[in-house]
Amino acid sequence: MSSAQDPAGGGGEQQIERPRLVSLHGVAMSEAFIENWAAVESYQADPRDLLVVTYPKSGTTWVQEIVDAILHDGGRAKCGRAPIHLRIPFLEFSFRGLLPSGIDSLAEMTSPKVIKTHLPFQLVPKSFLEQNCKIIYCARNAKDNLVSYFHFERMTKIQPEPGSWEEYFQKYLQGNVAYGLWHDHVKGWWQVKDEHPILYIFYEDIQEVP
């Protein structure tokens, strides 16, 4: 068990138990994130919606901020109107009713929406493909991704327990981390990039030429 700030904003602390890792159609996922899976799977996208997709810790926030800046002509006031998770909801996010789910946040917004997800291609709600929504996928070097993901999972309590670096290294290589094997994720989206309106970009390219 670990302490976390009261998500209700009461200023106190409460105990949060880290979720377990479970299998969702053969992909490792946090059990907390699949509690709301039926609503995620049946989500109805609008043709004007834009989906930002990454394997975790692959420049997600960076890409979201770039997209938001483009959509608002770089206006600081508009881009700073709220934290990024409120401007661009996290589609599959769910954590035992302690925080609003991604689906709940999206229900309060009107299209066009920018939506974030870490889902591999085979788990993305079919409506995004049926509605021909634009998709941006950002991939990152696996070695850098591994280090960043390990430290992120040590920090956040809504992810499964990462264990030691040595343990996590082996888990990562075997795909026993949330969202499964890095290789399957980046390759899965690469293989379909020409079949849908997908812009496939690389973290390192953005880093080289911001």
N, C-alpha and C. Protein backbone atom coordinates (compact mmCIF):
# COMPACT_ATOMS: atom_id res chain seq x y z
N MET A 1 0.85 -1.19 0.00
CA MET A 1 0.00 0.00 0.00
C MET A 1 0.88 1.23 0.00
N SER A 2 0.40 2.31 -0.60
CA SER A 2 1.17 3.54 -0.65
C SER A 2 0.26 4.73 -0.47
N SER A 3 0.83 5.83 0.01
CA SER A 3 0.05 7.03 0.24
C SER A 3 -0.07 7.83 -1.03
N ALA A 4 -1.18 8.55 -1.16
CA ALA A 4 -1.37 9.45 -2.29
C ALA A 4 -2.26 10.58 -1.84
N GLN A 5 -2.13 11.75 -2.47
CA GLN A 5 -2.99 12.86 -2.14
C GLN A 5 -4.43 12.52 -2.48
N ASP A 6 -5.32 12.99 -1.65
CA ASP A 6 -6.74 12.75 -1.85
C ASP A 6 -7.17 13.33 -3.19
N PRO A 7 -7.60 12.51 -4.17
CA PRO A 7 -7.99 13.03 -5.48
C PRO A 7 -9.21 13.93 -5.41
N ALA A 8 -9.95 13.86 -4.31
CA ALA A 8 -11.12 14.73 -4.17
C ALA A 8 -10.72 16.15 -3.79
N GLY A 9 -9.41 16.34 -3.53
CA GLY A 9 -8.93 17.68 -3.24
C GLY A 9 -9.09 18.07 -1.79
N GLY A 10 -9.29 17.11 -0.90
CA GLY A 10 -9.50 17.44 0.50
C GLY A 10 -8.23 17.76 1.25
N GLY A 11 -7.07 17.53 0.60
CA GLY A 11 -5.81 17.89 1.24
C GLY A 11 -5.26 16.78 2.11
N GLY A 12 -6.07 15.75 2.41
CA GLY A 12 -5.59 14.65 3.22
C GLY A 12 -4.90 13.61 2.37
N GLU A 13 -4.50 12.52 3.01
CA GLU A 13 -3.88 11.44 2.27
C GLU A 13 -4.69 10.17 2.48
N GLN A 14 -4.68 9.31 1.49
CA GLN A 14 -5.37 8.04 1.61
C GLN A 14 -4.47 6.96 1.03
N GLN A 15 -4.76 5.75 1.43
CA GLN A 15 -3.96 4.63 0.98
C GLN A 15 -4.48 4.12 -0.36
N ILE A 16 -3.58 3.96 -1.31
CA ILE A 16 -3.93 3.43 -2.62
C ILE A 16 -3.12 2.16 -2.87
N GLU A 17 -3.81 1.11 -3.19
CA GLU A 17 -3.13 -0.15 -3.50
C GLU A 17 -2.84 -0.20 -4.99
N ARG A 18 -1.60 -0.50 -5.33
CA ARG A 18 -1.23 -0.58 -6.74
C ARG A 18 -2.05 -1.68 -7.43
N PRO A 19 -2.48 -1.44 -8.66
CA PRO A 19 -3.23 -2.47 -9.39
C PRO A 19 -2.30 -3.60 -9.85
N ARG A 20 -2.89 -4.74 -10.15
CA ARG A 20 -2.15 -5.86 -10.70
C ARG A 20 -2.08 -5.73 -12.22
N LEU A 21 -1.21 -6.51 -12.82
CA LEU A 21 -1.12 -6.60 -14.27
C LEU A 21 -1.95 -7.79 -14.71
N VAL A 22 -2.86 -7.58 -15.64
CA VAL A 22 -3.71 -8.67 -16.14
C VAL A 22 -3.67 -8.67 -17.66
N SER A 23 -4.20 -9.72 -18.26
CA SER A 23 -4.19 -9.85 -19.71
C SER A 23 -5.53 -9.41 -20.30
N LEU A 24 -5.46 -8.56 -21.32
CA LEU A 24 -6.65 -8.12 -22.05
C LEU A 24 -6.44 -8.51 -23.52
N HIS A 25 -7.13 -9.54 -23.95
CA HIS A 25 -6.97 -10.05 -25.33
C HIS A 25 -5.50 -10.28 -25.65
N GLY A 26 -4.78 -10.82 -24.67
CA GLY A 26 -3.38 -11.16 -24.89
C GLY A 26 -2.39 -10.05 -24.66
N VAL A 27 -2.85 -8.87 -24.26
CA VAL A 27 -1.97 -7.73 -24.00
C VAL A 27 -1.98 -7.42 -22.51
N ALA A 28 -0.82 -7.29 -21.91
CA ALA A 28 -0.73 -6.97 -20.48
C ALA A 28 -1.27 -5.56 -20.25
N MET A 29 -2.14 -5.43 -19.24
CA MET A 29 -2.74 -4.14 -18.92
C MET A 29 -2.92 -4.01 -17.41
N SER A 30 -2.97 -2.79 -16.94
CA SER A 30 -3.30 -2.54 -15.54
C SER A 30 -4.75 -2.93 -15.32
N GLU A 31 -5.01 -3.67 -14.25
CA GLU A 31 -6.38 -4.11 -13.99
C GLU A 31 -7.32 -2.92 -13.78
N ALA A 32 -6.79 -1.81 -13.27
CA ALA A 32 -7.62 -0.63 -13.04
C ALA A 32 -8.14 -0.06 -14.36
N PHE A 33 -7.31 -0.13 -15.41
CA PHE A 33 -7.68 0.47 -16.68
C PHE A 33 -8.71 -0.36 -17.44
N ILE A 34 -8.87 -1.62 -17.10
CA ILE A 34 -9.83 -2.43 -17.86
C ILE A 34 -11.17 -2.58 -17.14
N GLU A 35 -11.29 -1.95 -15.97
CA GLU A 35 -12.57 -2.00 -15.26
C GLU A 35 -13.66 -1.31 -16.07
N ASN A 36 -13.24 -0.34 -16.91
CA ASN A 36 -14.18 0.44 -17.71
C ASN A 36 -14.06 0.05 -19.18
N TRP A 37 -13.55 -1.16 -19.45
CA TRP A 37 -13.20 -1.52 -20.82
C TRP A 37 -14.39 -1.55 -21.77
N ALA A 38 -15.54 -1.99 -21.32
CA ALA A 38 -16.71 -2.05 -22.20
C ALA A 38 -17.04 -0.68 -22.78
N ALA A 39 -16.94 0.35 -21.93
CA ALA A 39 -17.22 1.72 -22.40
C ALA A 39 -16.14 2.21 -23.35
N VAL A 40 -14.90 1.82 -23.09
CA VAL A 40 -13.79 2.23 -23.97
C VAL A 40 -13.96 1.56 -25.34
N GLU A 41 -14.19 0.27 -25.33
CA GLU A 41 -14.29 -0.49 -26.57
C GLU A 41 -15.44 -0.01 -27.45
N SER A 42 -16.52 0.45 -26.83
CA SER A 42 -17.70 0.89 -27.59
C SER A 42 -17.72 2.39 -27.84
N TYR A 43 -16.64 3.09 -27.51
CA TYR A 43 -16.60 4.54 -27.69
C TYR A 43 -16.86 4.91 -29.14
N GLN A 44 -17.71 5.90 -29.34
CA GLN A 44 -18.06 6.34 -30.69
C GLN A 44 -17.33 7.64 -31.02
N ALA A 45 -16.32 7.51 -31.87
CA ALA A 45 -15.54 8.67 -32.28
C ALA A 45 -16.29 9.49 -33.32
N ASP A 46 -15.93 10.75 -33.41
CA ASP A 46 -16.45 11.65 -34.42
C ASP A 46 -15.41 11.76 -35.53
N PRO A 47 -15.80 11.89 -36.78
CA PRO A 47 -14.81 11.98 -37.86
C PRO A 47 -13.82 13.12 -37.69
N ARG A 48 -14.19 14.14 -36.91
CA ARG A 48 -13.31 15.30 -36.71
C ARG A 48 -12.31 15.08 -35.57
N ASP A 49 -12.46 14.00 -34.82
CA ASP A 49 -11.57 13.74 -33.69
C ASP A 49 -10.18 13.35 -34.17
N LEU A 50 -9.18 13.65 -33.36
CA LEU A 50 -7.79 13.31 -33.66
C LEU A 50 -7.24 12.49 -32.50
N LEU A 51 -6.61 11.38 -32.82
CA LEU A 51 -6.10 10.46 -31.80
C LEU A 51 -4.57 10.53 -31.75
N VAL A 52 -4.03 10.80 -30.57
CA VAL A 52 -2.58 10.78 -30.35
C VAL A 52 -2.24 9.46 -29.67
N VAL A 53 -1.40 8.66 -30.31
CA VAL A 53 -1.08 7.31 -29.83
C VAL A 53 0.41 7.16 -29.59
N THR A 54 0.77 6.57 -28.47
CA THR A 54 2.17 6.22 -28.18
C THR A 54 2.19 4.99 -27.30
N TYR A 55 3.31 4.28 -27.32
CA TYR A 55 3.62 3.36 -26.24
C TYR A 55 3.97 4.27 -25.07
N PRO A 56 3.66 3.91 -23.82
CA PRO A 56 3.93 4.82 -22.70
C PRO A 56 5.38 5.32 -22.67
N LYS A 57 5.55 6.56 -22.27
CA LYS A 57 6.85 7.22 -22.12
C LYS A 57 7.58 7.36 -23.45
N SER A 58 6.82 7.75 -24.48
CA SER A 58 7.39 7.91 -25.82
C SER A 58 7.12 9.29 -26.40
N GLY A 59 7.08 10.30 -25.54
CA GLY A 59 6.85 11.65 -26.02
C GLY A 59 5.39 12.04 -26.09
N THR A 60 4.55 11.34 -25.36
CA THR A 60 3.11 11.58 -25.41
C THR A 60 2.74 13.03 -25.11
N THR A 61 3.19 13.53 -23.98
CA THR A 61 2.83 14.89 -23.59
C THR A 61 3.40 15.91 -24.56
N TRP A 62 4.60 15.66 -25.03
CA TRP A 62 5.25 16.55 -26.00
C TRP A 62 4.38 16.68 -27.25
N VAL A 63 3.95 15.55 -27.81
CA VAL A 63 3.13 15.57 -29.01
C VAL A 63 1.78 16.24 -28.74
N GLN A 64 1.19 15.95 -27.59
CA GLN A 64 -0.08 16.58 -27.24
C GLN A 64 0.04 18.09 -27.19
N GLU A 65 1.11 18.59 -26.59
CA GLU A 65 1.29 20.04 -26.48
C GLU A 65 1.52 20.66 -27.87
N ILE A 66 2.25 19.97 -28.74
CA ILE A 66 2.46 20.47 -30.09
C ILE A 66 1.13 20.56 -30.84
N VAL A 67 0.34 19.49 -30.76
CA VAL A 67 -0.96 19.47 -31.44
C VAL A 67 -1.86 20.58 -30.90
N ASP A 68 -1.93 20.72 -29.59
CA ASP A 68 -2.78 21.74 -28.99
C ASP A 68 -2.33 23.14 -29.41
N ALA A 69 -1.01 23.34 -29.49
CA ALA A 69 -0.49 24.65 -29.90
C ALA A 69 -0.86 24.95 -31.35
N ILE A 70 -0.77 23.94 -32.22
CA ILE A 70 -1.14 24.13 -33.62
C ILE A 70 -2.62 24.48 -33.74
N LEU A 71 -3.46 23.77 -33.02
CA LEU A 71 -4.90 23.99 -33.10
C LEU A 71 -5.31 25.36 -32.57
N HIS A 72 -4.48 25.93 -31.71
CA HIS A 72 -4.83 27.24 -31.13
C HIS A 72 -3.84 28.32 -31.54
N ASP A 73 -3.20 28.11 -32.69
CA ASP A 73 -2.29 29.10 -33.28
C ASP A 73 -1.21 29.57 -32.31
N GLY A 74 -0.81 28.67 -31.42
CA GLY A 74 0.27 28.99 -30.50
C GLY A 74 -0.10 29.98 -29.42
N GLY A 75 -1.39 30.27 -29.26
CA GLY A 75 -1.81 31.24 -28.24
C GLY A 75 -1.54 30.74 -26.84
N ARG A 76 -0.73 31.46 -26.09
CA ARG A 76 -0.33 31.01 -24.75
C ARG A 76 -1.52 30.90 -23.81
N ALA A 77 -2.44 31.83 -23.90
CA ALA A 77 -3.60 31.80 -23.00
C ALA A 77 -4.44 30.55 -23.25
N LYS A 78 -4.68 30.25 -24.52
CA LYS A 78 -5.50 29.08 -24.84
C LYS A 78 -4.77 27.78 -24.51
N CYS A 79 -3.48 27.74 -24.82
CA CYS A 79 -2.72 26.52 -24.56
C CYS A 79 -2.49 26.31 -23.07
N GLY A 80 -2.56 27.39 -22.30
CA GLY A 80 -2.37 27.28 -20.86
C GLY A 80 -3.67 27.29 -20.09
N ARG A 81 -4.77 27.04 -20.79
CA ARG A 81 -6.09 27.16 -20.16
C ARG A 81 -6.35 26.10 -19.09
N ALA A 82 -5.64 24.97 -19.17
CA ALA A 82 -5.84 23.86 -18.22
C ALA A 82 -4.69 22.89 -18.36
N PRO A 83 -4.47 22.03 -17.37
CA PRO A 83 -3.45 20.99 -17.51
C PRO A 83 -3.74 20.12 -18.73
N ILE A 84 -2.69 19.52 -19.29
CA ILE A 84 -2.83 18.77 -20.54
C ILE A 84 -3.82 17.61 -20.43
N HIS A 85 -3.93 16.98 -19.25
CA HIS A 85 -4.84 15.84 -19.13
C HIS A 85 -6.31 16.28 -19.17
N LEU A 86 -6.56 17.57 -18.95
CA LEU A 86 -7.92 18.08 -19.06
C LEU A 86 -8.20 18.58 -20.48
N ARG A 87 -7.17 19.09 -21.13
CA ARG A 87 -7.34 19.54 -22.52
C ARG A 87 -7.46 18.36 -23.47
N ILE A 88 -6.68 17.30 -23.19
CA ILE A 88 -6.66 16.12 -24.06
C ILE A 88 -6.87 14.88 -23.19
N PRO A 89 -8.10 14.41 -23.07
CA PRO A 89 -8.38 13.26 -22.19
C PRO A 89 -7.67 11.98 -22.61
N PHE A 90 -7.41 11.15 -21.62
CA PHE A 90 -6.73 9.86 -21.77
C PHE A 90 -7.82 8.80 -21.92
N LEU A 91 -8.04 8.32 -23.12
CA LEU A 91 -9.18 7.48 -23.48
C LEU A 91 -9.47 6.36 -22.49
N GLU A 92 -8.49 5.49 -22.23
CA GLU A 92 -8.76 4.29 -21.44
C GLU A 92 -8.52 4.46 -19.94
N PHE A 93 -8.17 5.69 -19.51
CA PHE A 93 -7.86 5.89 -18.10
C PHE A 93 -9.07 5.59 -17.22
N SER A 94 -8.81 4.84 -16.16
CA SER A 94 -9.83 4.55 -15.15
C SER A 94 -9.10 4.13 -13.90
N PHE A 95 -9.52 4.65 -12.74
CA PHE A 95 -8.86 4.20 -11.52
C PHE A 95 -9.85 4.12 -10.36
N ARG A 96 -10.62 3.07 -10.39
CA ARG A 96 -11.46 2.68 -9.25
C ARG A 96 -12.35 3.79 -8.71
N GLY A 97 -12.80 4.65 -9.60
CA GLY A 97 -13.72 5.70 -9.20
C GLY A 97 -13.11 6.83 -8.42
N LEU A 98 -11.79 6.82 -8.21
CA LEU A 98 -11.14 7.88 -7.43
C LEU A 98 -10.95 9.14 -8.25
N LEU A 99 -10.86 8.99 -9.58
CA LEU A 99 -10.69 10.11 -10.48
C LEU A 99 -11.63 9.93 -11.66
N PRO A 100 -12.00 11.01 -12.36
CA PRO A 100 -12.86 10.85 -13.54
C PRO A 100 -12.16 9.97 -14.58
N SER A 101 -12.91 9.09 -15.20
CA SER A 101 -12.33 8.25 -16.24
C SER A 101 -12.17 9.06 -17.52
N GLY A 102 -11.39 8.51 -18.45
CA GLY A 102 -11.23 9.17 -19.73
C GLY A 102 -12.56 9.28 -20.46
N ILE A 103 -13.36 8.23 -20.38
CA ILE A 103 -14.67 8.23 -21.04
C ILE A 103 -15.58 9.31 -20.44
N ASP A 104 -15.54 9.46 -19.12
CA ASP A 104 -16.35 10.50 -18.47
C ASP A 104 -15.91 11.89 -18.91
N SER A 105 -14.60 12.10 -19.00
CA SER A 105 -14.07 13.41 -19.42
C SER A 105 -14.48 13.71 -20.86
N LEU A 106 -14.40 12.71 -21.73
CA LEU A 106 -14.75 12.91 -23.13
C LEU A 106 -16.24 13.20 -23.31
N ALA A 107 -17.06 12.64 -22.44
CA ALA A 107 -18.51 12.85 -22.53
C ALA A 107 -18.88 14.31 -22.29
N GLU A 108 -18.01 15.05 -21.62
CA GLU A 108 -18.29 16.45 -21.32
C GLU A 108 -17.75 17.39 -22.39
N MET A 109 -17.10 16.85 -23.42
CA MET A 109 -16.49 17.67 -24.46
C MET A 109 -17.26 17.52 -25.77
N THR A 110 -17.16 18.52 -26.61
CA THR A 110 -17.75 18.45 -27.94
C THR A 110 -16.64 18.27 -28.97
N SER A 111 -16.96 17.64 -30.07
CA SER A 111 -15.98 17.45 -31.14
C SER A 111 -15.82 18.75 -31.93
N PRO A 112 -14.66 18.95 -32.53
CA PRO A 112 -13.53 18.03 -32.63
C PRO A 112 -12.75 17.92 -31.31
N LYS A 113 -12.37 16.69 -30.98
CA LYS A 113 -11.61 16.43 -29.76
C LYS A 113 -10.23 15.88 -30.13
N VAL A 114 -9.24 16.20 -29.30
CA VAL A 114 -7.95 15.52 -29.38
C VAL A 114 -7.93 14.54 -28.22
N ILE A 115 -7.61 13.29 -28.50
CA ILE A 115 -7.71 12.22 -27.52
C ILE A 115 -6.39 11.47 -27.45
N LYS A 116 -5.97 11.14 -26.26
CA LYS A 116 -4.72 10.39 -26.04
C LYS A 116 -5.03 8.93 -25.74
N THR A 117 -4.18 8.04 -26.25
CA THR A 117 -4.27 6.63 -25.87
C THR A 117 -2.90 5.98 -25.98
N HIS A 118 -2.72 4.90 -25.20
CA HIS A 118 -1.52 4.07 -25.33
C HIS A 118 -1.86 2.69 -25.90
N LEU A 119 -3.08 2.53 -26.38
CA LEU A 119 -3.53 1.21 -26.81
C LEU A 119 -2.80 0.74 -28.07
N PRO A 120 -2.46 -0.55 -28.13
CA PRO A 120 -1.94 -1.10 -29.38
C PRO A 120 -3.04 -1.08 -30.43
N PHE A 121 -2.66 -1.20 -31.68
CA PHE A 121 -3.63 -1.04 -32.76
C PHE A 121 -4.84 -1.96 -32.61
N GLN A 122 -4.61 -3.21 -32.23
CA GLN A 122 -5.71 -4.17 -32.19
C GLN A 122 -6.73 -3.88 -31.10
N LEU A 123 -6.39 -3.01 -30.14
CA LEU A 123 -7.32 -2.71 -29.06
C LEU A 123 -7.99 -1.34 -29.20
N VAL A 124 -7.60 -0.56 -30.17
CA VAL A 124 -8.21 0.76 -30.36
C VAL A 124 -9.67 0.60 -30.77
N PRO A 125 -10.59 1.37 -30.17
CA PRO A 125 -12.00 1.28 -30.55
C PRO A 125 -12.18 1.39 -32.06
N LYS A 126 -12.97 0.51 -32.64
CA LYS A 126 -13.12 0.43 -34.09
C LYS A 126 -13.69 1.71 -34.69
N SER A 127 -14.41 2.49 -33.90
CA SER A 127 -15.05 3.69 -34.45
C SER A 127 -14.02 4.70 -34.97
N PHE A 128 -12.81 4.72 -34.38
CA PHE A 128 -11.79 5.65 -34.87
C PHE A 128 -11.39 5.30 -36.30
N LEU A 129 -11.37 4.02 -36.61
CA LEU A 129 -11.01 3.57 -37.96
C LEU A 129 -12.20 3.70 -38.90
N GLU A 130 -13.38 3.36 -38.42
CA GLU A 130 -14.58 3.45 -39.24
C GLU A 130 -14.89 4.90 -39.63
N GLN A 131 -14.59 5.83 -38.72
CA GLN A 131 -14.84 7.24 -38.98
C GLN A 131 -13.66 7.93 -39.68
N ASN A 132 -12.64 7.14 -39.97
CA ASN A 132 -11.48 7.66 -40.69
C ASN A 132 -10.82 8.84 -39.95
N CYS A 133 -10.76 8.73 -38.63
CA CYS A 133 -10.16 9.79 -37.81
C CYS A 133 -8.66 9.89 -38.09
N LYS A 134 -8.14 11.10 -38.04
CA LYS A 134 -6.70 11.29 -38.16
C LYS A 134 -6.02 10.78 -36.89
N ILE A 135 -4.87 10.14 -37.07
CA ILE A 135 -4.13 9.54 -35.96
C ILE A 135 -2.67 9.94 -36.06
N ILE A 136 -2.07 10.32 -34.95
CA ILE A 136 -0.64 10.57 -34.88
C ILE A 136 -0.02 9.53 -33.96
N TYR A 137 0.94 8.79 -34.49
CA TYR A 137 1.65 7.80 -33.67
C TYR A 137 3.10 8.24 -33.52
N CYS A 138 3.59 8.26 -32.27
CA CYS A 138 4.98 8.63 -32.00
C CYS A 138 5.70 7.45 -31.36
N ALA A 139 6.81 7.04 -31.98
CA ALA A 139 7.63 5.93 -31.47
C ALA A 139 8.93 6.47 -30.90
N ARG A 140 9.47 5.76 -29.90
CA ARG A 140 10.72 6.17 -29.26
C ARG A 140 11.67 4.98 -29.14
N ASN A 141 12.96 5.26 -29.20
CA ASN A 141 13.99 4.24 -29.04
C ASN A 141 13.71 3.40 -27.79
N ALA A 142 13.77 2.07 -27.95
CA ALA A 142 13.39 1.17 -26.86
C ALA A 142 14.27 1.33 -25.63
N LYS A 143 15.55 1.59 -25.80
CA LYS A 143 16.45 1.70 -24.64
C LYS A 143 16.08 2.90 -23.78
N ASP A 144 15.85 4.04 -24.41
CA ASP A 144 15.45 5.23 -23.66
C ASP A 144 14.06 5.05 -23.07
N ASN A 145 13.20 4.42 -23.85
CA ASN A 145 11.84 4.17 -23.38
C ASN A 145 11.83 3.30 -22.13
N LEU A 146 12.65 2.26 -22.12
CA LEU A 146 12.74 1.35 -20.98
C LEU A 146 13.12 2.10 -19.70
N VAL A 147 14.15 2.94 -19.78
CA VAL A 147 14.62 3.67 -18.60
C VAL A 147 13.52 4.62 -18.09
N SER A 148 12.92 5.35 -19.02
CA SER A 148 11.88 6.31 -18.64
C SER A 148 10.66 5.60 -18.03
N TYR A 149 10.27 4.48 -18.63
CA TYR A 149 9.10 3.75 -18.15
C TYR A 149 9.34 3.19 -16.75
N PHE A 150 10.54 2.69 -16.50
CA PHE A 150 10.88 2.15 -15.18
C PHE A 150 10.74 3.22 -14.10
N HIS A 151 11.33 4.39 -14.34
CA HIS A 151 11.27 5.44 -13.32
C HIS A 151 9.85 5.99 -13.16
N PHE A 152 9.10 6.02 -14.26
CA PHE A 152 7.70 6.46 -14.17
C PHE A 152 6.90 5.50 -13.29
N GLU A 153 7.09 4.21 -13.49
CA GLU A 153 6.32 3.24 -12.71
C GLU A 153 6.74 3.21 -11.25
N ARG A 154 7.98 3.56 -10.98
CA ARG A 154 8.40 3.70 -9.58
C ARG A 154 7.68 4.86 -8.92
N MET A 155 7.46 5.93 -9.71
CA MET A 155 6.89 7.16 -9.17
C MET A 155 5.37 7.07 -8.96
N THR A 156 4.66 6.62 -9.99
CA THR A 156 3.20 6.67 -9.92
C THR A 156 2.64 5.42 -9.24
N LYS A 157 1.63 5.62 -8.44
CA LYS A 157 1.03 4.53 -7.68
C LYS A 157 -0.18 3.92 -8.37
N ILE A 158 -0.53 4.43 -9.56
CA ILE A 158 -1.67 3.85 -10.27
C ILE A 158 -1.20 2.84 -11.31
N GLN A 159 0.11 2.53 -11.29
CA GLN A 159 0.67 1.50 -12.15
C GLN A 159 1.07 0.30 -11.30
N PRO A 160 1.15 -0.89 -11.92
CA PRO A 160 1.60 -2.06 -11.16
C PRO A 160 3.00 -1.87 -10.61
N GLU A 161 3.33 -2.58 -9.56
CA GLU A 161 4.65 -2.49 -8.92
C GLU A 161 5.74 -2.91 -9.91
N PRO A 162 6.76 -2.05 -10.17
CA PRO A 162 7.79 -2.39 -11.16
C PRO A 162 8.85 -3.36 -10.64
N GLY A 163 9.07 -3.39 -9.31
CA GLY A 163 10.15 -4.22 -8.78
C GLY A 163 11.49 -3.54 -8.98
N SER A 164 12.57 -4.30 -8.87
CA SER A 164 13.91 -3.75 -9.04
C SER A 164 14.20 -3.51 -10.52
N TRP A 165 15.28 -2.77 -10.80
CA TRP A 165 15.68 -2.53 -12.19
C TRP A 165 15.90 -3.85 -12.92
N GLU A 166 16.59 -4.78 -12.28
CA GLU A 166 16.88 -6.07 -12.91
C GLU A 166 15.58 -6.82 -13.24
N GLU A 167 14.64 -6.79 -12.30
CA GLU A 167 13.36 -7.45 -12.53
C GLU A 167 12.58 -6.78 -13.65
N TYR A 168 12.59 -5.46 -13.63
CA TYR A 168 11.82 -4.71 -14.62
C TYR A 168 12.39 -4.89 -16.02
N PHE A 169 13.71 -4.94 -16.10
CA PHE A 169 14.38 -5.15 -17.39
C PHE A 169 13.86 -6.43 -18.06
N GLN A 170 13.77 -7.49 -17.28
CA GLN A 170 13.29 -8.76 -17.81
C GLN A 170 11.79 -8.69 -18.16
N LYS A 171 11.02 -8.02 -17.31
CA LYS A 171 9.59 -7.86 -17.59
C LYS A 171 9.38 -7.13 -18.91
N TYR A 172 10.14 -6.09 -19.10
CA TYR A 172 10.02 -5.27 -20.31
C TYR A 172 10.34 -6.10 -21.55
N LEU A 173 11.41 -6.87 -21.48
CA LEU A 173 11.81 -7.70 -22.62
C LEU A 173 10.77 -8.77 -22.95
N GLN A 174 10.01 -9.17 -21.94
CA GLN A 174 9.01 -10.22 -22.13
C GLN A 174 7.60 -9.66 -22.40
N GLY A 175 7.47 -8.34 -22.33
CA GLY A 175 6.16 -7.73 -22.52
C GLY A 175 5.27 -7.81 -21.31
N ASN A 176 5.85 -8.06 -20.15
CA ASN A 176 5.07 -8.15 -18.91
C ASN A 176 5.00 -6.80 -18.19
N VAL A 177 4.69 -5.78 -18.96
CA VAL A 177 4.47 -4.43 -18.44
C VAL A 177 3.18 -3.92 -19.09
N ALA A 178 2.60 -2.88 -18.50
CA ALA A 178 1.35 -2.35 -19.04
C ALA A 178 1.50 -1.97 -20.50
N TYR A 179 0.59 -2.43 -21.33
CA TYR A 179 0.52 -2.24 -22.78
C TYR A 179 1.40 -3.21 -23.55
N GLY A 180 1.98 -4.18 -22.86
CA GLY A 180 2.65 -5.27 -23.55
C GLY A 180 4.02 -4.95 -24.10
N LEU A 181 4.42 -5.72 -25.08
CA LEU A 181 5.76 -5.65 -25.64
C LEU A 181 5.94 -4.42 -26.52
N TRP A 182 6.98 -3.65 -26.25
CA TRP A 182 7.28 -2.45 -27.04
C TRP A 182 7.33 -2.77 -28.53
N HIS A 183 8.03 -3.84 -28.87
CA HIS A 183 8.22 -4.22 -30.28
C HIS A 183 6.88 -4.44 -30.97
N ASP A 184 5.97 -5.16 -30.33
CA ASP A 184 4.67 -5.44 -30.92
C ASP A 184 3.87 -4.16 -31.14
N HIS A 185 3.99 -3.25 -30.18
CA HIS A 185 3.23 -2.00 -30.23
C HIS A 185 3.68 -1.13 -31.40
N VAL A 186 4.98 -0.83 -31.47
CA VAL A 186 5.46 0.06 -32.52
C VAL A 186 5.35 -0.58 -33.91
N LYS A 187 5.58 -1.89 -33.99
CA LYS A 187 5.47 -2.58 -35.27
C LYS A 187 4.02 -2.70 -35.71
N GLY A 188 3.13 -2.94 -34.73
CA GLY A 188 1.71 -3.06 -35.06
C GLY A 188 1.16 -1.82 -35.72
N TRP A 189 1.52 -0.66 -35.19
CA TRP A 189 1.05 0.60 -35.78
C TRP A 189 1.78 0.90 -37.10
N TRP A 190 3.04 0.52 -37.19
CA TRP A 190 3.81 0.74 -38.42
C TRP A 190 3.18 -0.04 -39.59
N GLN A 191 2.74 -1.24 -39.33
CA GLN A 191 2.21 -2.10 -40.39
C GLN A 191 0.91 -1.59 -40.98
N VAL A 192 0.18 -0.74 -40.24
CA VAL A 192 -1.12 -0.25 -40.74
C VAL A 192 -1.09 1.23 -41.10
N LYS A 193 0.08 1.83 -41.03
CA LYS A 193 0.16 3.29 -41.21
C LYS A 193 -0.27 3.76 -42.60
N ASP A 194 -0.18 2.89 -43.60
CA ASP A 194 -0.58 3.29 -44.94
C ASP A 194 -2.02 2.91 -45.27
N GLU A 195 -2.68 2.24 -44.34
CA GLU A 195 -4.06 1.81 -44.56
C GLU A 195 -5.06 2.78 -43.95
N HIS A 196 -4.58 3.68 -43.11
CA HIS A 196 -5.43 4.65 -42.42
C HIS A 196 -4.72 6.01 -42.41
N PRO A 197 -5.43 7.08 -42.10
CA PRO A 197 -4.77 8.41 -42.06
C PRO A 197 -3.90 8.55 -40.80
N ILE A 198 -2.76 7.85 -40.82
CA ILE A 198 -1.85 7.81 -39.67
C ILE A 198 -0.55 8.53 -40.00
N LEU A 199 -0.20 9.50 -39.19
CA LEU A 199 1.10 10.16 -39.29
C LEU A 199 2.02 9.47 -38.28
N TYR A 200 3.00 8.74 -38.77
CA TYR A 200 3.90 7.97 -37.90
C TYR A 200 5.20 8.76 -37.75
N ILE A 201 5.48 9.23 -36.54
CA ILE A 201 6.65 10.07 -36.30
C ILE A 201 7.53 9.45 -35.21
N PHE A 202 8.73 10.01 -35.07
CA PHE A 202 9.70 9.47 -34.12
C PHE A 202 10.13 10.54 -33.12
N TYR A 203 10.18 10.14 -31.88
CA TYR A 203 10.60 11.01 -30.78
C TYR A 203 11.94 11.67 -31.09
N GLU A 204 12.88 10.88 -31.60
CA GLU A 204 14.23 11.38 -31.85
C GLU A 204 14.26 12.44 -32.96
N ASP A 205 13.35 12.33 -33.93
CA ASP A 205 13.28 13.35 -34.98
C ASP A 205 12.78 14.68 -34.42
N ILE A 206 11.80 14.62 -33.54
CA ILE A 206 11.31 15.85 -32.92
C ILE A 206 12.41 16.47 -32.06
N GLN A 207 13.13 15.62 -31.36
CA GLN A 207 14.22 16.08 -30.49
C GLN A 207 15.32 16.76 -31.30
N GLU A 208 15.61 16.23 -32.48
CA GLU A 208 16.67 16.78 -33.32
C GLU A 208 16.28 18.10 -33.95
N VAL A 209 15.01 18.19 -34.39
CA VAL A 209 14.53 19.42 -35.03
C VAL A 209 13.20 19.82 -34.41
N PRO A 210 13.24 20.46 -33.24
CA PRO A 210 11.97 20.81 -32.56
C PRO A 210 11.07 21.69 -33.41
